[in-house]
N, C-alpha and C. Protein backbone atom coordinates (compact mmCIF):
# COMPACT_ATOMS: atom_id res chain seq x y z
N MET A 1 -112.56 -86.08 144.66
CA MET A 1 -113.04 -84.79 145.10
C MET A 1 -114.51 -84.95 145.49
N ASN A 2 -114.86 -84.39 146.64
CA ASN A 2 -116.25 -84.47 147.07
C ASN A 2 -116.98 -83.17 146.71
N THR A 3 -118.27 -83.15 147.02
CA THR A 3 -119.11 -82.01 146.66
C THR A 3 -118.59 -80.71 147.26
N GLN A 4 -118.24 -80.73 148.53
CA GLN A 4 -117.78 -79.51 149.20
C GLN A 4 -116.46 -79.02 148.61
N GLU A 5 -115.55 -79.93 148.32
CA GLU A 5 -114.27 -79.54 147.72
C GLU A 5 -114.49 -78.90 146.34
N LEU A 6 -115.38 -79.49 145.55
CA LEU A 6 -115.67 -78.94 144.22
C LEU A 6 -116.27 -77.54 144.35
N ARG A 7 -117.23 -77.39 145.23
CA ARG A 7 -117.87 -76.08 145.41
C ARG A 7 -116.87 -75.04 145.92
N SER A 8 -116.00 -75.43 146.84
CA SER A 8 -115.04 -74.45 147.37
C SER A 8 -114.01 -74.06 146.31
N LYS A 9 -113.67 -74.97 145.41
CA LYS A 9 -112.75 -74.62 144.33
C LYS A 9 -113.41 -73.72 143.30
N GLN A 10 -114.69 -74.00 143.02
CA GLN A 10 -115.38 -73.25 141.97
C GLN A 10 -115.98 -71.93 142.45
N ALA A 11 -116.28 -71.80 143.73
CA ALA A 11 -116.93 -70.59 144.25
C ALA A 11 -116.17 -69.31 143.92
N PRO A 12 -114.85 -69.23 144.21
CA PRO A 12 -114.14 -67.98 143.89
C PRO A 12 -114.06 -67.72 142.38
N ILE A 13 -114.01 -68.77 141.60
CA ILE A 13 -113.96 -68.61 140.14
C ILE A 13 -115.29 -68.05 139.65
N LYS A 14 -116.39 -68.63 140.14
CA LYS A 14 -117.72 -68.15 139.75
C LYS A 14 -117.92 -66.69 140.17
N GLU A 15 -117.47 -66.35 141.36
CA GLU A 15 -117.60 -64.98 141.86
C GLU A 15 -116.80 -64.01 140.98
N LYS A 16 -115.60 -64.41 140.62
CA LYS A 16 -114.76 -63.57 139.75
C LYS A 16 -115.47 -63.32 138.42
N TYR A 17 -116.06 -64.38 137.84
CA TYR A 17 -116.73 -64.25 136.55
C TYR A 17 -118.00 -63.40 136.65
N LYS A 18 -118.65 -63.41 137.80
CA LYS A 18 -119.83 -62.56 138.00
C LYS A 18 -119.42 -61.09 138.07
N ILE A 19 -118.32 -60.82 138.77
CA ILE A 19 -117.83 -59.45 138.93
C ILE A 19 -117.21 -58.93 137.63
N ASP A 20 -116.46 -59.80 136.96
CA ASP A 20 -115.77 -59.42 135.73
C ASP A 20 -116.10 -60.44 134.64
N PRO A 21 -117.25 -60.31 133.98
CA PRO A 21 -117.68 -61.29 132.98
C PRO A 21 -116.66 -61.54 131.87
N ASP A 22 -115.91 -60.52 131.48
CA ASP A 22 -114.92 -60.70 130.41
C ASP A 22 -113.81 -61.68 130.79
N SER A 23 -113.55 -61.81 132.09
CA SER A 23 -112.48 -62.71 132.53
C SER A 23 -112.85 -64.19 132.31
N ALA A 24 -114.13 -64.46 132.06
CA ALA A 24 -114.57 -65.84 131.82
C ALA A 24 -114.31 -66.29 130.39
N VAL A 25 -113.99 -65.35 129.51
CA VAL A 25 -113.74 -65.68 128.11
C VAL A 25 -112.27 -66.00 127.93
N ILE A 26 -112.00 -67.25 127.62
CA ILE A 26 -110.62 -67.73 127.48
C ILE A 26 -110.47 -68.35 126.10
N THR A 27 -109.37 -68.08 125.44
CA THR A 27 -109.12 -68.66 124.13
C THR A 27 -108.23 -69.89 124.30
N LEU A 28 -108.79 -71.03 123.93
CA LEU A 28 -108.00 -72.27 123.90
C LEU A 28 -107.35 -72.36 122.53
N LYS A 29 -106.23 -73.07 122.45
CA LYS A 29 -105.49 -73.10 121.20
C LYS A 29 -104.95 -74.50 120.95
N ALA A 30 -105.05 -74.92 119.73
CA ALA A 30 -104.41 -76.17 119.30
C ALA A 30 -103.49 -75.82 118.14
N LYS A 31 -102.38 -76.52 118.06
CA LYS A 31 -101.38 -76.19 117.06
C LYS A 31 -100.82 -77.49 116.49
N GLY A 32 -100.64 -77.52 115.18
CA GLY A 32 -100.06 -78.69 114.54
C GLY A 32 -99.12 -78.29 113.43
N LYS A 33 -98.28 -79.24 113.05
CA LYS A 33 -97.33 -78.99 111.97
C LYS A 33 -97.40 -80.18 111.01
N PRO A 34 -97.94 -79.92 109.79
CA PRO A 34 -97.94 -81.01 108.82
C PRO A 34 -96.53 -81.57 108.65
N GLY A 35 -96.47 -82.90 108.65
CA GLY A 35 -95.15 -83.55 108.67
C GLY A 35 -94.88 -84.39 107.45
N ASN A 36 -93.93 -85.30 107.62
CA ASN A 36 -93.55 -86.19 106.53
C ASN A 36 -94.72 -87.06 106.13
N GLY A 37 -94.82 -87.32 104.83
CA GLY A 37 -95.95 -88.11 104.36
C GLY A 37 -97.21 -87.29 104.52
N ILE A 38 -98.29 -87.94 104.77
CA ILE A 38 -99.56 -87.24 104.96
C ILE A 38 -99.91 -87.35 106.43
N THR A 39 -99.25 -86.53 107.25
CA THR A 39 -99.46 -86.52 108.70
C THR A 39 -99.45 -85.09 109.21
N CYS A 40 -99.85 -84.94 110.45
CA CYS A 40 -99.79 -83.65 111.12
C CYS A 40 -99.42 -83.90 112.57
N LYS A 41 -98.32 -83.30 113.01
CA LYS A 41 -97.87 -83.45 114.40
C LYS A 41 -98.56 -82.40 115.26
N LEU A 42 -99.18 -82.86 116.34
CA LEU A 42 -99.94 -81.99 117.22
C LEU A 42 -99.23 -81.82 118.54
N GLU A 43 -99.30 -80.61 119.06
CA GLU A 43 -98.83 -80.35 120.42
C GLU A 43 -100.05 -80.47 121.31
N THR A 44 -100.11 -81.50 122.13
CA THR A 44 -101.31 -81.74 122.95
C THR A 44 -101.23 -81.11 124.33
N GLY A 45 -100.11 -80.55 124.70
CA GLY A 45 -99.96 -80.01 126.04
C GLY A 45 -99.32 -81.03 126.97
N LYS A 46 -99.45 -82.29 126.66
CA LYS A 46 -98.87 -83.36 127.48
C LYS A 46 -97.82 -84.14 126.70
N ALA A 47 -98.04 -84.28 125.41
CA ALA A 47 -97.13 -85.06 124.57
C ALA A 47 -97.37 -84.68 123.12
N LEU A 48 -96.51 -85.13 122.26
CA LEU A 48 -96.73 -84.93 120.83
C LEU A 48 -97.58 -86.09 120.31
N ALA A 49 -98.47 -85.80 119.42
CA ALA A 49 -99.29 -86.82 118.78
C ALA A 49 -99.19 -86.59 117.27
N GLU A 50 -99.30 -87.68 116.52
CA GLU A 50 -99.24 -87.56 115.08
C GLU A 50 -100.50 -88.14 114.46
N ALA A 51 -101.21 -87.29 113.73
CA ALA A 51 -102.43 -87.71 113.05
C ALA A 51 -102.12 -88.01 111.60
N GLY A 52 -102.88 -88.92 111.05
CA GLY A 52 -102.70 -89.29 109.65
C GLY A 52 -104.00 -89.78 109.06
N LEU A 53 -103.92 -90.28 107.87
CA LEU A 53 -105.10 -90.79 107.19
C LEU A 53 -105.63 -92.06 107.87
N HIS A 54 -106.93 -92.19 107.91
CA HIS A 54 -107.57 -93.42 108.39
C HIS A 54 -107.31 -94.51 107.35
N PRO A 55 -107.15 -95.76 107.78
CA PRO A 55 -106.93 -96.83 106.81
C PRO A 55 -108.01 -96.91 105.71
N ALA A 56 -109.23 -96.47 106.01
CA ALA A 56 -110.29 -96.50 105.01
C ALA A 56 -110.09 -95.45 103.91
N THR A 57 -109.08 -94.57 104.10
CA THR A 57 -108.76 -93.57 103.07
C THR A 57 -107.33 -93.71 102.58
N GLY A 58 -106.67 -94.83 102.92
CA GLY A 58 -105.32 -95.07 102.43
C GLY A 58 -104.23 -94.95 103.48
N GLY A 59 -104.60 -94.67 104.72
CA GLY A 59 -103.60 -94.57 105.79
C GLY A 59 -103.10 -95.95 106.21
N ASP A 60 -101.96 -95.96 106.90
CA ASP A 60 -101.36 -97.21 107.33
C ASP A 60 -101.83 -97.66 108.72
N GLY A 61 -102.62 -96.82 109.38
CA GLY A 61 -103.12 -97.18 110.71
C GLY A 61 -102.14 -96.92 111.84
N LEU A 62 -100.96 -96.40 111.53
CA LEU A 62 -99.96 -96.13 112.56
C LEU A 62 -100.15 -94.77 113.22
N SER A 63 -100.81 -93.87 112.52
CA SER A 63 -101.05 -92.53 113.06
C SER A 63 -102.47 -92.44 113.61
N LEU A 64 -102.69 -91.45 114.46
CA LEU A 64 -104.02 -91.21 115.00
C LEU A 64 -104.94 -90.72 113.90
N CYS A 65 -106.21 -91.09 113.98
CA CYS A 65 -107.21 -90.60 113.04
C CYS A 65 -107.92 -89.43 113.69
N SER A 66 -108.03 -88.32 112.99
CA SER A 66 -108.67 -87.14 113.57
C SER A 66 -110.14 -87.38 113.88
N GLY A 67 -110.81 -88.25 113.12
CA GLY A 67 -112.19 -88.60 113.44
C GLY A 67 -112.28 -89.33 114.77
N ASP A 68 -111.36 -90.25 115.00
CA ASP A 68 -111.29 -90.94 116.30
C ASP A 68 -111.01 -89.93 117.41
N MET A 69 -110.11 -88.98 117.13
CA MET A 69 -109.75 -87.98 118.13
C MET A 69 -110.96 -87.08 118.48
N LEU A 70 -111.80 -86.80 117.49
CA LEU A 70 -113.01 -86.02 117.76
C LEU A 70 -113.92 -86.79 118.72
N LEU A 71 -114.12 -88.09 118.44
CA LEU A 71 -114.94 -88.91 119.33
C LEU A 71 -114.30 -89.04 120.71
N GLU A 72 -112.98 -89.17 120.75
CA GLU A 72 -112.27 -89.26 122.03
C GLU A 72 -112.42 -87.97 122.83
N SER A 73 -112.39 -86.83 122.14
CA SER A 73 -112.60 -85.55 122.83
C SER A 73 -114.01 -85.48 123.40
N LEU A 74 -114.98 -85.96 122.66
CA LEU A 74 -116.35 -85.99 123.15
C LEU A 74 -116.46 -86.87 124.39
N VAL A 75 -115.86 -88.05 124.34
CA VAL A 75 -115.89 -88.97 125.49
C VAL A 75 -115.18 -88.34 126.69
N ALA A 76 -114.02 -87.75 126.47
CA ALA A 76 -113.27 -87.14 127.57
C ALA A 76 -114.07 -86.03 128.23
N CYS A 77 -114.63 -85.15 127.42
CA CYS A 77 -115.39 -84.02 127.96
C CYS A 77 -116.66 -84.51 128.66
N ALA A 78 -117.37 -85.43 128.03
CA ALA A 78 -118.59 -85.96 128.64
C ALA A 78 -118.29 -86.71 129.93
N GLY A 79 -117.19 -87.44 129.96
CA GLY A 79 -116.81 -88.18 131.17
C GLY A 79 -116.46 -87.26 132.33
N VAL A 80 -115.68 -86.22 132.04
CA VAL A 80 -115.30 -85.25 133.08
C VAL A 80 -116.54 -84.50 133.56
N THR A 81 -117.37 -84.09 132.61
CA THR A 81 -118.59 -83.34 132.96
C THR A 81 -119.53 -84.22 133.78
N LEU A 82 -119.69 -85.47 133.38
CA LEU A 82 -120.54 -86.42 134.12
C LEU A 82 -120.10 -86.50 135.58
N MET A 83 -118.81 -86.65 135.80
CA MET A 83 -118.32 -86.80 137.17
C MET A 83 -118.42 -85.50 137.96
N ALA A 84 -118.21 -84.36 137.31
CA ALA A 84 -118.36 -83.07 138.00
C ALA A 84 -119.81 -82.85 138.40
N VAL A 85 -120.73 -83.14 137.49
CA VAL A 85 -122.16 -82.97 137.79
C VAL A 85 -122.60 -83.96 138.87
N ALA A 86 -122.13 -85.20 138.76
CA ALA A 86 -122.47 -86.20 139.78
C ALA A 86 -121.97 -85.76 141.15
N THR A 87 -120.78 -85.20 141.19
CA THR A 87 -120.22 -84.69 142.45
C THR A 87 -121.08 -83.55 142.99
N ALA A 88 -121.42 -82.61 142.12
CA ALA A 88 -122.25 -81.48 142.55
C ALA A 88 -123.63 -81.94 143.03
N MET A 89 -124.18 -82.98 142.39
CA MET A 89 -125.51 -83.49 142.76
C MET A 89 -125.45 -84.51 143.90
N GLU A 90 -124.23 -84.79 144.36
CA GLU A 90 -124.01 -85.79 145.41
C GLU A 90 -124.56 -87.17 145.01
N ILE A 91 -124.30 -87.55 143.76
CA ILE A 91 -124.67 -88.87 143.26
C ILE A 91 -123.43 -89.74 143.32
N ASN A 92 -123.52 -90.85 144.00
CA ASN A 92 -122.39 -91.78 144.08
C ASN A 92 -122.39 -92.66 142.82
N ILE A 93 -121.33 -92.54 142.05
CA ILE A 93 -121.16 -93.36 140.86
C ILE A 93 -120.18 -94.47 141.23
N LYS A 94 -120.66 -95.70 141.24
CA LYS A 94 -119.78 -96.84 141.56
C LYS A 94 -118.83 -97.12 140.40
N ASP A 95 -119.39 -97.06 139.19
CA ASP A 95 -118.61 -97.33 137.99
C ASP A 95 -119.36 -96.69 136.82
N SER A 96 -118.62 -96.29 135.81
CA SER A 96 -119.27 -95.71 134.64
C SER A 96 -118.38 -95.88 133.43
N GLU A 97 -119.00 -95.75 132.28
CA GLU A 97 -118.29 -95.79 131.02
C GLU A 97 -119.01 -94.85 130.07
N VAL A 98 -118.24 -94.13 129.27
CA VAL A 98 -118.79 -93.24 128.26
C VAL A 98 -118.25 -93.73 126.92
N ILE A 99 -119.16 -93.90 125.97
CA ILE A 99 -118.79 -94.41 124.65
C ILE A 99 -119.33 -93.45 123.60
N ALA A 100 -118.52 -93.13 122.61
CA ALA A 100 -118.98 -92.36 121.45
C ALA A 100 -118.73 -93.20 120.21
N GLU A 101 -119.75 -93.30 119.40
CA GLU A 101 -119.65 -94.02 118.13
C GLU A 101 -120.09 -93.06 117.03
N GLY A 102 -119.40 -93.09 115.92
CA GLY A 102 -119.76 -92.21 114.81
C GLY A 102 -119.70 -92.95 113.49
N ASP A 103 -120.65 -92.65 112.62
CA ASP A 103 -120.72 -93.29 111.31
C ASP A 103 -120.22 -92.32 110.24
N LEU A 104 -119.25 -92.77 109.47
CA LEU A 104 -118.68 -91.99 108.36
C LEU A 104 -118.88 -92.76 107.06
N ASP A 105 -119.19 -92.06 106.00
CA ASP A 105 -119.22 -92.65 104.66
C ASP A 105 -118.03 -92.05 103.91
N PHE A 106 -116.99 -92.84 103.74
CA PHE A 106 -115.74 -92.31 103.19
C PHE A 106 -115.82 -92.00 101.70
N LYS A 107 -116.94 -92.32 101.05
CA LYS A 107 -117.08 -91.92 99.65
C LYS A 107 -117.07 -90.40 99.53
N GLY A 108 -117.60 -89.71 100.53
CA GLY A 108 -117.56 -88.25 100.52
C GLY A 108 -116.15 -87.73 100.72
N THR A 109 -115.45 -88.28 101.69
CA THR A 109 -114.07 -87.85 101.99
C THR A 109 -113.14 -88.08 100.81
N LEU A 110 -113.33 -89.18 100.10
CA LEU A 110 -112.46 -89.50 98.97
C LEU A 110 -112.92 -88.86 97.66
N GLY A 111 -114.00 -88.10 97.70
CA GLY A 111 -114.47 -87.42 96.50
C GLY A 111 -115.10 -88.34 95.48
N ILE A 112 -115.53 -89.52 95.90
CA ILE A 112 -116.14 -90.48 94.98
C ILE A 112 -117.56 -90.04 94.62
N SER A 113 -118.25 -89.47 95.60
CA SER A 113 -119.63 -89.03 95.38
C SER A 113 -119.84 -87.66 96.01
N LYS A 114 -120.27 -86.71 95.18
CA LYS A 114 -120.55 -85.36 95.70
C LYS A 114 -121.85 -85.35 96.48
N ASP A 115 -122.66 -86.40 96.35
CA ASP A 115 -123.92 -86.49 97.09
C ASP A 115 -123.72 -86.98 98.53
N VAL A 116 -122.53 -87.51 98.81
CA VAL A 116 -122.24 -88.02 100.15
C VAL A 116 -121.48 -86.93 100.92
N PRO A 117 -122.05 -86.47 102.05
CA PRO A 117 -121.35 -85.42 102.80
C PRO A 117 -120.05 -85.92 103.42
N VAL A 118 -119.12 -85.01 103.56
CA VAL A 118 -117.87 -85.30 104.26
C VAL A 118 -118.15 -85.09 105.75
N GLY A 119 -117.73 -86.03 106.56
CA GLY A 119 -117.93 -85.91 108.00
C GLY A 119 -118.86 -86.98 108.53
N PHE A 120 -119.07 -86.92 109.83
CA PHE A 120 -119.92 -87.90 110.50
C PHE A 120 -121.38 -87.71 110.09
N LYS A 121 -122.03 -88.81 109.76
CA LYS A 121 -123.48 -88.78 109.48
C LYS A 121 -124.24 -88.84 110.79
N ASN A 122 -123.78 -89.65 111.71
CA ASN A 122 -124.43 -89.85 113.00
C ASN A 122 -123.36 -90.01 114.07
N ILE A 123 -123.64 -89.49 115.25
CA ILE A 123 -122.79 -89.74 116.42
C ILE A 123 -123.71 -90.16 117.55
N ARG A 124 -123.33 -91.23 118.22
CA ARG A 124 -124.08 -91.73 119.38
C ARG A 124 -123.20 -91.60 120.61
N LEU A 125 -123.75 -90.99 121.66
CA LEU A 125 -123.05 -90.85 122.94
C LEU A 125 -123.79 -91.73 123.94
N ILE A 126 -123.08 -92.67 124.51
CA ILE A 126 -123.69 -93.69 125.37
C ILE A 126 -123.06 -93.61 126.76
N PHE A 127 -123.92 -93.56 127.77
CA PHE A 127 -123.47 -93.56 129.16
C PHE A 127 -123.89 -94.87 129.80
N ILE A 128 -122.95 -95.57 130.41
CA ILE A 128 -123.25 -96.77 131.18
C ILE A 128 -122.88 -96.42 132.62
N ILE A 129 -123.88 -96.41 133.49
CA ILE A 129 -123.67 -95.92 134.86
C ILE A 129 -124.14 -96.95 135.86
N ASP A 130 -123.26 -97.24 136.82
CA ASP A 130 -123.60 -98.11 137.96
C ASP A 130 -123.70 -97.20 139.18
N SER A 131 -124.93 -97.04 139.66
CA SER A 131 -125.18 -96.16 140.80
C SER A 131 -126.44 -96.62 141.52
N ASP A 132 -126.50 -96.34 142.81
CA ASP A 132 -127.71 -96.62 143.58
C ASP A 132 -128.73 -95.48 143.50
N ALA A 133 -128.37 -94.41 142.81
CA ALA A 133 -129.27 -93.26 142.70
C ALA A 133 -130.52 -93.65 141.92
N PRO A 134 -131.65 -93.03 142.26
CA PRO A 134 -132.89 -93.33 141.53
C PRO A 134 -132.81 -92.88 140.08
N LYS A 135 -133.62 -93.50 139.23
CA LYS A 135 -133.61 -93.25 137.79
C LYS A 135 -133.81 -91.77 137.47
N ASP A 136 -134.71 -91.09 138.17
CA ASP A 136 -134.96 -89.68 137.86
C ASP A 136 -133.72 -88.82 138.14
N LYS A 137 -132.93 -89.18 139.15
CA LYS A 137 -131.69 -88.43 139.43
C LYS A 137 -130.65 -88.71 138.35
N ILE A 138 -130.57 -89.95 137.89
CA ILE A 138 -129.62 -90.30 136.81
C ILE A 138 -130.05 -89.60 135.52
N ASP A 139 -131.36 -89.56 135.25
CA ASP A 139 -131.85 -88.85 134.07
C ASP A 139 -131.44 -87.37 134.12
N LYS A 140 -131.58 -86.76 135.28
CA LYS A 140 -131.18 -85.35 135.47
C LYS A 140 -129.67 -85.20 135.30
N LEU A 141 -128.92 -86.15 135.82
CA LEU A 141 -127.46 -86.16 135.68
C LEU A 141 -127.07 -86.14 134.20
N ILE A 142 -127.69 -86.99 133.39
CA ILE A 142 -127.38 -87.04 131.96
C ILE A 142 -127.81 -85.74 131.28
N GLN A 143 -128.97 -85.23 131.64
CA GLN A 143 -129.46 -83.98 131.06
C GLN A 143 -128.48 -82.84 131.34
N LEU A 144 -127.99 -82.75 132.57
CA LEU A 144 -127.05 -81.69 132.93
C LEU A 144 -125.68 -81.92 132.31
N THR A 145 -125.29 -83.18 132.17
CA THR A 145 -124.02 -83.50 131.51
C THR A 145 -124.07 -83.01 130.06
N GLU A 146 -125.17 -83.26 129.37
CA GLU A 146 -125.33 -82.77 128.00
C GLU A 146 -125.27 -81.24 127.98
N ARG A 147 -125.94 -80.62 128.92
CA ARG A 147 -126.02 -79.15 128.96
C ARG A 147 -124.66 -78.50 129.17
N TYR A 148 -123.81 -79.10 130.00
CA TYR A 148 -122.55 -78.46 130.37
C TYR A 148 -121.31 -79.04 129.69
N CYS A 149 -121.47 -80.05 128.87
CA CYS A 149 -120.32 -80.64 128.16
C CYS A 149 -119.97 -79.76 126.96
N VAL A 150 -118.81 -79.13 127.00
CA VAL A 150 -118.38 -78.19 125.98
C VAL A 150 -118.32 -78.83 124.59
N VAL A 151 -117.73 -80.00 124.49
CA VAL A 151 -117.57 -80.64 123.18
C VAL A 151 -118.94 -81.06 122.63
N TYR A 152 -119.78 -81.63 123.48
CA TYR A 152 -121.12 -82.02 123.05
C TYR A 152 -121.89 -80.80 122.54
N GLN A 153 -121.90 -79.72 123.31
CA GLN A 153 -122.63 -78.52 122.91
C GLN A 153 -122.06 -77.91 121.64
N THR A 154 -120.74 -77.99 121.46
CA THR A 154 -120.12 -77.47 120.24
C THR A 154 -120.56 -78.27 119.02
N LEU A 155 -120.69 -79.58 119.18
CA LEU A 155 -121.15 -80.42 118.07
C LEU A 155 -122.63 -80.20 117.78
N VAL A 156 -123.43 -80.04 118.82
CA VAL A 156 -124.86 -79.87 118.66
C VAL A 156 -125.20 -78.48 118.10
N LYS A 157 -124.47 -77.47 118.56
CA LYS A 157 -124.69 -76.08 118.10
C LYS A 157 -123.36 -75.55 117.58
N PRO A 158 -123.00 -75.90 116.36
CA PRO A 158 -121.66 -75.52 115.86
C PRO A 158 -121.43 -74.01 115.87
N PRO A 159 -120.23 -73.62 116.26
CA PRO A 159 -119.89 -72.19 116.24
C PRO A 159 -119.57 -71.75 114.81
N GLU A 160 -119.51 -70.45 114.63
CA GLU A 160 -119.03 -69.93 113.36
C GLU A 160 -117.52 -70.20 113.32
N ILE A 161 -117.06 -70.73 112.21
CA ILE A 161 -115.63 -71.03 112.06
C ILE A 161 -115.07 -70.13 110.97
N GLN A 162 -114.00 -69.46 111.28
CA GLN A 162 -113.32 -68.61 110.31
C GLN A 162 -112.03 -69.30 109.90
N VAL A 163 -111.74 -69.29 108.63
CA VAL A 163 -110.50 -69.87 108.12
C VAL A 163 -109.67 -68.73 107.58
N ASN A 164 -108.45 -68.62 108.05
CA ASN A 164 -107.51 -67.61 107.58
C ASN A 164 -106.27 -68.33 107.08
N HIS A 165 -105.54 -67.69 106.22
CA HIS A 165 -104.27 -68.28 105.78
C HIS A 165 -103.24 -67.18 105.61
N GLU A 166 -102.01 -67.61 105.67
CA GLU A 166 -100.88 -66.70 105.55
C GLU A 166 -99.86 -67.39 104.67
N LEU A 167 -99.43 -66.73 103.65
CA LEU A 167 -98.44 -67.30 102.73
C LEU A 167 -97.08 -66.72 103.08
N ARG A 168 -96.14 -67.59 103.39
CA ARG A 168 -94.77 -67.15 103.68
C ARG A 168 -93.91 -67.43 102.45
N VAL A 169 -93.22 -66.42 102.01
CA VAL A 169 -92.39 -66.57 100.81
C VAL A 169 -90.94 -66.51 101.19
């Protein structure tokens, strides 16, 4: 997709959202069903996926790790956003790679130490870009990618999360 194609696809959407701001608010949904053993089957929209314990917490390594999936979501969103912004800025990307790395201390997850938080201590997002564009344009590209990447912004500025439950008898 080139710059003009992207703009022509997005122009009517942007106009609609300007005229009717409420139409821009969309609820995305993920759904899973805890399964046999310690797993959860997810409906991904394209296929079924099964998440389970990471081997560092007793998993067998055959199921997806939700921590890996979080990093994969960050990479996917950052990669798509990078290419959309590059297209809008008319930056030719010859080749690129997006890498997310995260450090976990599983003593928190396993309840060994209450002083160790559960979750990622650090996440690094790395962009490797092959382009003839000048450094200042690439710097702006990365800045805008960070600004418009939904997953990145959600991690940097976490939303309020509500937990509800329903007991079926």
